[in-house]
Amino acid sequence: MRAAKQTVTEALKFLRDAVPCMRDDQLSDLRLVFNELLVNAVIHGNRQDSGKTVSIEIDIDGEYLYSRVSDEGMGFDYNKMAREWNAEGNLLNE
């Protein structure tokens, strides 16, 4: 998980340099989001397989920030899962 922490730190440094007007509270929120996404990708996506990689892409377009975290896991059909959860009345459960 050390690599995830380092990656998040580097992503935030990139954002601080690319968007100098970004506030500290916004960077703090992004730290939490990126950390959760990367850790989930390592644990749930890659099943902690050290031979697999996780990547993060960040794009800034005007006032919008886009990010994508990718892993080498098998993935899942989100729409199918959402339909099943909704049918069971569990869509909004944590």
Protein backbone atom coordinates (compact mmCIF):
# COMPACT_ATOMS: atom_id res chain seq x y z
CA MET A 1 0.00 0.00 0.00
CA ARG A 2 3.05 2.23 0.23
CA ALA A 3 3.02 2.58 -3.57
CA ALA A 4 -0.62 3.75 -3.45
CA LYS A 5 0.25 6.45 -0.91
CA GLN A 6 3.19 7.61 -3.02
CA THR A 7 1.04 7.66 -6.16
CA VAL A 8 -1.62 9.77 -4.43
CA THR A 9 1.05 12.18 -3.20
CA GLU A 10 2.42 12.52 -6.75
CA ALA A 11 -1.09 13.02 -8.19
CA LEU A 12 -1.80 15.79 -5.68
CA LYS A 13 1.55 17.46 -6.45
CA PHE A 14 0.62 17.38 -10.14
CA LEU A 15 -2.76 18.95 -9.36
CA ARG A 16 -1.27 21.62 -7.10
CA ASP A 17 1.13 22.60 -9.91
CA ALA A 18 -1.47 22.37 -12.69
CA VAL A 19 -4.26 24.14 -10.80
CA PRO A 20 -2.62 26.64 -8.43
CA CYS A 21 -5.99 28.04 -7.35
CA MET A 22 -7.09 24.66 -5.93
CA ARG A 23 -7.75 25.02 -2.22
CA ASP A 24 -6.20 22.84 0.46
CA ASP A 25 -9.60 21.43 1.45
CA GLN A 26 -10.21 20.38 -2.15
CA LEU A 27 -6.82 18.67 -2.29
CA SER A 28 -7.57 16.95 1.00
CA ASP A 29 -10.87 15.65 -0.38
CA LEU A 30 -9.09 14.41 -3.51
CA ARG A 31 -6.46 12.69 -1.38
CA LEU A 32 -9.20 10.68 0.31
CA VAL A 33 -10.95 9.84 -2.97
CA PHE A 34 -7.77 8.81 -4.81
CA ASN A 35 -6.54 6.79 -1.85
CA GLU A 36 -9.82 4.86 -1.64
CA LEU A 37 -9.90 4.24 -5.38
CA LEU A 38 -6.30 3.00 -5.52
CA VAL A 39 -6.59 0.78 -2.45
CA ASN A 40 -9.84 -0.72 -3.75
CA ALA A 41 -8.20 -1.37 -7.13
CA VAL A 42 -5.30 -3.18 -5.45
CA ILE A 43 -7.41 -5.19 -3.02
CA HIS A 44 -10.60 -5.91 -4.94
CA GLY A 45 -9.56 -5.48 -8.56
CA ASN A 46 -6.11 -7.02 -8.60
CA ARG A 47 -6.67 -9.26 -5.57
CA GLN A 48 -3.36 -7.98 -4.15
CA ASP A 49 -1.43 -9.64 -6.99
CA SER A 50 1.91 -7.80 -7.03
CA GLY A 51 2.34 -8.77 -10.68
CA LYS A 52 -0.62 -6.61 -11.69
CA THR A 53 -0.67 -2.85 -12.01
CA VAL A 54 -3.03 -0.03 -11.14
CA SER A 55 -2.99 3.23 -13.05
CA ILE A 56 -4.45 6.65 -12.48
CA GLU A 57 -5.11 9.18 -15.22
CA ILE A 58 -5.93 12.80 -14.53
CA ASP A 59 -7.19 15.27 -17.11
CA ILE A 60 -8.01 18.90 -16.55
CA ASP A 61 -10.36 20.57 -19.02
CA GLY A 62 -11.13 24.15 -18.10
CA GLU A 63 -12.87 24.08 -14.74
CA TYR A 64 -13.40 20.29 -14.80
CA LEU A 65 -11.13 17.58 -13.46
CA TYR A 66 -11.51 14.06 -14.80
CA SER A 67 -9.81 11.01 -13.35
CA ARG A 68 -9.77 7.32 -14.10
CA VAL A 69 -8.32 4.56 -11.96
CA SER A 70 -7.78 1.27 -13.77
CA ASP A 71 -6.70 -2.14 -12.54
CA GLU A 72 -6.15 -5.52 -14.18
CA GLY A 73 -9.00 -7.27 -12.39
CA MET A 74 -11.83 -9.15 -14.02
CA GLY A 75 -14.25 -6.29 -13.51
CA PHE A 76 -18.00 -6.60 -13.12
CA ASP A 77 -21.16 -5.63 -14.93
CA TYR A 78 -22.23 -2.56 -12.98
CA ASN A 79 -25.57 -2.17 -14.78
CA LYS A 80 -26.53 -5.79 -14.11
CA MET A 81 -25.50 -5.48 -10.46
CA ALA A 82 -27.45 -2.23 -10.04
CA ARG A 83 -30.57 -3.81 -11.56
CA GLU A 84 -30.30 -6.78 -9.19
CA TRP A 85 -29.75 -4.56 -6.16
CA ASN A 86 -32.64 -2.33 -7.20
CA ALA A 87 -34.95 -5.33 -7.67
CA GLU A 88 -34.05 -6.46 -4.16
CA GLY A 89 -34.63 -2.97 -2.75
CA ASN A 90 -30.95 -2.61 -1.82
CA LEU A 91 -29.76 -0.07 -4.38
CA LEU A 92 -29.15 2.69 -1.83
CA ASN A 93 -27.75 0.45 0.90
CA GLU A 94 -24.15 1.08 1.85
